[in-house]
C-alpha atoms as a PDB file:
ATOM      1  CA  MET A   1      -4.762   1.616  22.067  1.00  0.00           C
ATOM      2  CA  SER A   2      -1.977   1.845  19.522  1.00  0.00           C
ATOM      3  CA  PRO A   3      -0.249   5.148  18.751  1.00  0.00           C
ATOM      4  CA  SER A   4      -1.290   6.856  15.608  1.00  0.00           C
ATOM      5  CA  PRO A   5       0.716   6.411  12.543  1.00  0.00           C
ATOM      6  CA  PHE A   6       3.464   8.752  11.611  1.00  0.00           C
ATOM      7  CA  ARG A   7       2.885  11.828   9.274  1.00  0.00           C
ATOM      8  CA  LYS A   8       4.664  10.154   6.382  1.00  0.00           C
ATOM      9  CA  HIS A   9       2.505   7.190   6.676  1.00  0.00           C
ATOM     10  CA  GLN A  10      -0.762   9.287   6.551  1.00  0.00           C
ATOM     11  CA  SER A  11       0.699  11.160   3.484  1.00  0.00           C
ATOM     12  CA  ILE A  12       1.360   7.861   1.558  1.00  0.00           C
ATOM     13  CA  SER A  13      -1.857   6.434   2.588  1.00  0.00           C
ATOM     14  CA  ARG A  14      -3.932   9.507   1.517  1.00  0.00           C
ATOM     15  CA  GLU A  15      -2.072   9.492  -1.861  1.00  0.00           C
ATOM     16  CA  ILE A  16      -2.866   5.726  -2.427  1.00  0.00           C
ATOM     17  CA  GLU A  17      -6.559   6.239  -1.335  1.00  0.00           C
ATOM     18  CA  PHE A  18      -6.966   9.332  -3.539  1.00  0.00           C
ATOM     19  CA  ARG A  19      -5.562   7.676  -6.688  1.00  0.00           C
ATOM     20  CA  LEU A  20      -7.663   4.669  -6.152  1.00  0.00           C
ATOM     21  CA  CYS A  21     -10.751   6.528  -5.552  1.00  0.00           C
ATOM     22  CA  GLN A  22     -10.193   8.415  -8.780  1.00  0.00           C
ATOM     23  CA  TRP A  23      -9.834   5.233 -10.674  1.00  0.00           C
ATOM     24  CA  VAL A  24     -13.109   3.900  -8.883  1.00  0.00           C
ATOM     25  CA  GLU A  25     -14.871   7.024 -10.048  1.00  0.00           C
ATOM     26  CA  THR A  26     -14.035   6.271 -13.682  1.00  0.00           C
ATOM     27  CA  HIS A  27     -14.611   2.644 -13.311  1.00  0.00           C
ATOM     28  CA  PRO A  28     -17.564   2.226 -10.997  1.00  0.00           C
ATOM     29  CA  LEU A  29     -17.054  -1.472  -9.990  1.00  0.00           C
ATOM     30  CA  GLY A  30     -16.812  -1.188  -6.263  1.00  0.00           C
ATOM     31  CA  GLU A  31     -16.016   0.856  -3.118  1.00  0.00           C
ATOM     32  CA  VAL A  32     -12.813   2.035  -1.369  1.00  0.00           C
ATOM     33  CA  TYR A  33     -12.479   2.055   2.498  1.00  0.00           C
ATOM     34  CA  ASP A  34      -9.740   3.155   4.847  1.00  0.00           C
ATOM     35  CA  ALA A  35      -8.844   2.394   8.411  1.00  0.00           C
ATOM     36  CA  PRO A  36     -10.207   2.082  10.836  1.00  0.00           C
ATOM     37  CA  PHE A  37     -12.575  -0.548   9.342  1.00  0.00           C
ATOM     38  CA  ASP A  38     -12.243  -4.087  10.566  1.00  0.00           C
ATOM     39  CA  VAL A  39     -11.651  -7.057   8.130  1.00  0.00           C
ATOM     40  CA  VAL A  40     -12.891 -10.358   9.918  1.00  0.00           C
ATOM     41  CA  LEU A  41     -10.984 -13.185   8.368  1.00  0.00           C
ATOM     42  CA  SER A  42     -11.871 -15.601  11.204  1.00  0.00           C
ATOM     43  CA  GLN A  43     -13.008 -15.695  14.677  1.00  0.00           C
ATOM     44  CA  TYR A  44      -9.477 -15.050  15.751  1.00  0.00           C
ATOM     45  CA  ASP A  45      -8.123 -13.131  12.936  1.00  0.00           C
ATOM     46  CA  ILE A  46      -9.312  -9.582  12.596  1.00  0.00           C
ATOM     47  CA  VAL A  47      -7.188  -6.841  10.943  1.00  0.00           C
ATOM     48  CA  GLN A  48      -7.532  -3.195   9.876  1.00  0.00           C
ATOM     49  CA  PRO A  49      -5.594  -2.678   6.712  1.00  0.00           C
ATOM     50  CA  ASP A  50      -4.959   1.005   5.734  1.00  0.00           C
ATOM     51  CA  ILE A  51      -6.929   0.953   2.457  1.00  0.00           C
ATOM     52  CA  LEU A  52      -9.217  -1.826   1.113  1.00  0.00           C
ATOM     53  CA  TYR A  53     -11.264  -2.367  -1.949  1.00  0.00           C
ATOM     54  CA  ILE A  54     -14.545  -4.370  -2.317  1.00  0.00           C
ATOM     55  CA  SER A  55     -15.859  -5.015  -5.885  1.00  0.00           C
ATOM     56  CA  TYR A  56     -19.549  -4.763  -6.242  1.00  0.00           C
ATOM     57  CA  GLU A  57     -19.775  -8.369  -7.389  1.00  0.00           C
ATOM     58  CA  ARG A  58     -18.485  -9.424  -3.722  1.00  0.00           C
ATOM     59  CA  LYS A  59     -20.399  -6.833  -1.725  1.00  0.00           C
ATOM     60  CA  SER A  60     -22.140  -9.403   0.254  1.00  0.00           C
ATOM     61  CA  ILE A  61     -19.002  -9.635   2.440  1.00  0.00           C
ATOM     62  CA  LEU A  62     -19.964  -6.089   3.531  1.00  0.00           C
ATOM     63  CA  ILE A  63     -22.047  -5.587   6.682  1.00  0.00           C
ATOM     64  CA  GLU A  64     -22.514  -2.233   8.529  1.00  0.00           C
ATOM     65  CA  ALA A  65     -19.832  -3.038  11.084  1.00  0.00           C
ATOM     66  CA  ASN A  66     -17.107  -4.817   9.109  1.00  0.00           C
ATOM     67  CA  VAL A  67     -16.065  -6.826   6.083  1.00  0.00           C
ATOM     68  CA  GLN A  68     -16.599 -10.548   6.600  1.00  0.00           C
ATOM     69  CA  GLY A  69     -13.900 -11.990   4.529  1.00  0.00           C
ATOM     70  CA  ALA A  70     -10.920 -11.025   2.293  1.00  0.00           C
ATOM     71  CA  PRO A  71     -11.495  -7.838   0.332  1.00  0.00           C
ATOM     72  CA  ASP A  72     -10.683  -7.743  -3.428  1.00  0.00           C
ATOM     73  CA  LEU A  73      -7.655  -5.479  -2.806  1.00  0.00           C
ATOM     74  CA  VAL A  74      -5.692  -4.512   0.434  1.00  0.00           C
ATOM     75  CA  ARG A  75      -2.965  -2.052   0.964  1.00  0.00           C
ATOM     76  CA  ASP A  76      -1.129  -1.799   4.410  1.00  0.00           C
ATOM     77  CA  ILE A  77       1.610   0.748   4.761  1.00  0.00           C
ATOM     78  CA  GLN A  78       4.372  -0.542   7.004  1.00  0.00           C
ATOM     79  CA  GLU A  79       6.234   1.809   9.428  1.00  0.00           C
ATOM     80  CA  ARG A  80       9.966   1.248   9.812  1.00  0.00           C
ATOM     81  CA  ALA A  81       9.370  -0.042  13.283  1.00  0.00           C
ATOM     82  CA  SER A  82       7.130  -2.801  11.992  1.00  0.00           C
ATOM     83  CA  PHE A  83      10.057  -4.383  10.239  1.00  0.00           C
ATOM     84  CA  ARG A  84      10.740  -6.082  13.431  1.00  0.00           C
ATOM     85  CA  ILE A  85       7.337  -7.884  13.033  1.00  0.00           C
ATOM     86  CA  PRO A  86       7.694 -11.187  11.144  1.00  0.00           C
ATOM     87  CA  PRO A  87       6.814 -10.758   7.496  1.00  0.00           C
ATOM     88  CA  SER A  88       4.279 -13.460   7.751  1.00  0.00           C
ATOM     89  CA  THR A  89       2.088 -11.436   9.744  1.00  0.00           C
ATOM     90  CA  TRP A  90       2.114  -8.329   7.247  1.00  0.00           C
ATOM     91  CA  PHE A  91      -0.252  -9.520   4.709  1.00  0.00           C
ATOM     92  CA  PHE A  92      -3.287 -11.857   4.533  1.00  0.00           C
ATOM     93  CA  SER A  93      -4.399 -13.720   1.300  1.00  0.00           C
ATOM     94  CA  CYS A  94      -7.388 -12.714  -0.623  1.00  0.00           C
ATOM     95  CA  PRO A  95      -9.358 -14.652  -3.302  1.00  0.00           C
ATOM     96  CA  GLY A  96      -9.034 -14.007  -6.912  1.00  0.00           C
ATOM     97  CA  ARG A  97      -7.444 -10.698  -7.792  1.00  0.00           C
ATOM     98  CA  CYS A  98      -4.757  -9.864  -5.198  1.00  0.00           C
ATOM     99  CA  LEU A  99      -2.547  -6.992  -6.364  1.00  0.00           C
END
């Protein structure tokens, strides 16, 4: 098991999720989820981004246990220690409207 994120990481994640949830309340076009929630990109690529958004028009990728495919929006907050990890592993592509 990985150690839990630092306090600053949790504060940043909470603030981003709060603002995104506020936006979704006034623009009910989808749903916001937070970690831990698996995003299955392939049989070998399963990630848990800190925050993700799935639009209602793409809700078919949601199942009870996880997300089957790339979400509409992903936000992963990086800890300083993770900067030693190659940048190519930080993000994954998503269809259409990546921000």
